[in-house]
Amino acid sequence: MKENLPDCMLQLMSDACWHSTEELVEKVSHRFSATMHVLKKRGYKFEKRRTQGQKYEYRLLEESKAITPLIIEHA
C-alpha cells in the first residue's frame, strides 16, 4: 500500500537537511505545502529559507522529532 502524503514527507525530511521546492514537488506532491500544513497542525515544525530569487528550501526542525507519527502497517 502506498504511504500517505504526511508519512511520505516525514520520511523524506527526517534527515533534518534542507529540501528544495522542486524536490518536495517531485517526491511528495505538487501540493506539498498542504501536506506541510497538516503536519504543522500535528505539532511538527518546519524552517523555510530563500535560496535565490523566488526559490525556497525547507527542513524539519530537530525538536519536531520528539513527536512520533502514528504509522499503521497493513498485513
Protein backbone atom coordinates (compact mmCIF):
# COMPACT_ATOMS: atom_id res chain seq x y z
CA MET A 1 0.00 0.00 0.00
CA LYS A 2 1.28 3.47 -0.86
CA GLU A 3 2.23 5.70 2.06
CA ASN A 4 0.03 8.68 2.76
CA LEU A 5 1.50 12.10 1.98
CA PRO A 6 2.29 13.17 5.58
CA ASP A 7 4.21 9.92 6.18
CA CYS A 8 6.00 10.33 2.86
CA MET A 9 7.04 13.88 3.77
CA LEU A 10 8.21 12.85 7.24
CA GLN A 11 10.28 10.03 5.82
CA LEU A 12 11.94 12.37 3.32
CA MET A 13 12.55 15.23 5.74
CA SER A 14 13.54 13.21 8.82
CA ASP A 15 17.21 13.77 7.91
CA ALA A 16 16.85 17.42 9.07
CA CYS A 17 18.55 18.55 5.83
CA TRP A 18 17.28 21.29 3.53
CA HIS A 19 14.96 20.17 0.71
CA SER A 20 14.13 22.32 -2.29
CA THR A 21 10.65 23.10 -3.51
CA GLU A 22 11.42 21.12 -6.66
CA GLU A 23 12.40 18.04 -4.65
CA LEU A 24 9.28 18.24 -2.48
CA VAL A 25 7.06 18.56 -5.55
CA GLU A 26 8.75 15.54 -7.14
CA LYS A 27 8.90 13.26 -4.10
CA VAL A 28 5.81 14.29 -2.09
CA SER A 29 3.22 16.17 -4.16
CA HIS A 30 2.71 19.37 -6.11
CA ARG A 31 0.59 20.33 -3.08
CA PHE A 32 3.39 19.69 -0.59
CA SER A 33 2.54 22.90 1.31
CA ALA A 34 -0.90 21.45 2.14
CA THR A 35 0.82 18.32 3.47
CA MET A 36 3.18 20.53 5.48
CA HIS A 37 0.15 22.36 6.91
CA VAL A 38 -1.36 19.04 8.08
CA LEU A 39 1.92 18.16 9.81
CA LYS A 40 2.16 21.59 11.44
CA LYS A 41 -1.30 21.04 12.92
CA ARG A 42 0.07 17.78 14.39
CA GLY A 43 2.89 19.68 16.08
CA TYR A 44 5.73 19.36 13.58
CA LYS A 45 7.85 22.44 12.93
CA PHE A 46 9.49 23.42 9.66
CA GLU A 47 12.01 26.06 8.74
CA LYS A 48 11.98 27.87 5.40
CA ARG A 49 14.80 29.80 3.73
CA ARG A 50 15.13 31.66 0.46
CA THR A 51 17.94 30.35 -1.73
CA GLN A 52 17.73 32.73 -4.67
CA GLY A 53 15.02 34.90 -6.16
CA GLN A 54 11.72 33.14 -5.52
CA LYS A 55 13.29 29.73 -4.73
CA TYR A 56 12.98 28.25 -1.26
CA GLU A 57 14.17 25.28 0.77
CA TYR A 58 12.51 23.64 3.76
CA ARG A 59 13.61 21.40 6.61
CA LEU A 60 12.01 19.62 9.51
CA LEU A 61 13.27 21.06 12.77
CA GLU A 62 15.05 18.67 15.11
CA GLU A 63 12.73 19.41 18.04
CA SER A 64 9.83 18.02 15.98
CA LYS A 65 11.33 14.55 16.22
CA ALA A 66 10.04 14.29 19.78
CA ILE A 67 6.62 13.75 18.21
CA THR A 68 6.31 10.26 16.79
CA PRO A 69 3.94 9.79 13.85
CA LEU A 70 1.37 7.05 14.04
CA ILE A 71 2.12 4.57 11.29
CA ILE A 72 -0.24 1.66 10.82
CA GLU A 73 1.16 -1.31 8.95
CA HIS A 74 -1.16 -3.41 6.86
CA ALA A 75 -0.66 -7.17 6.75
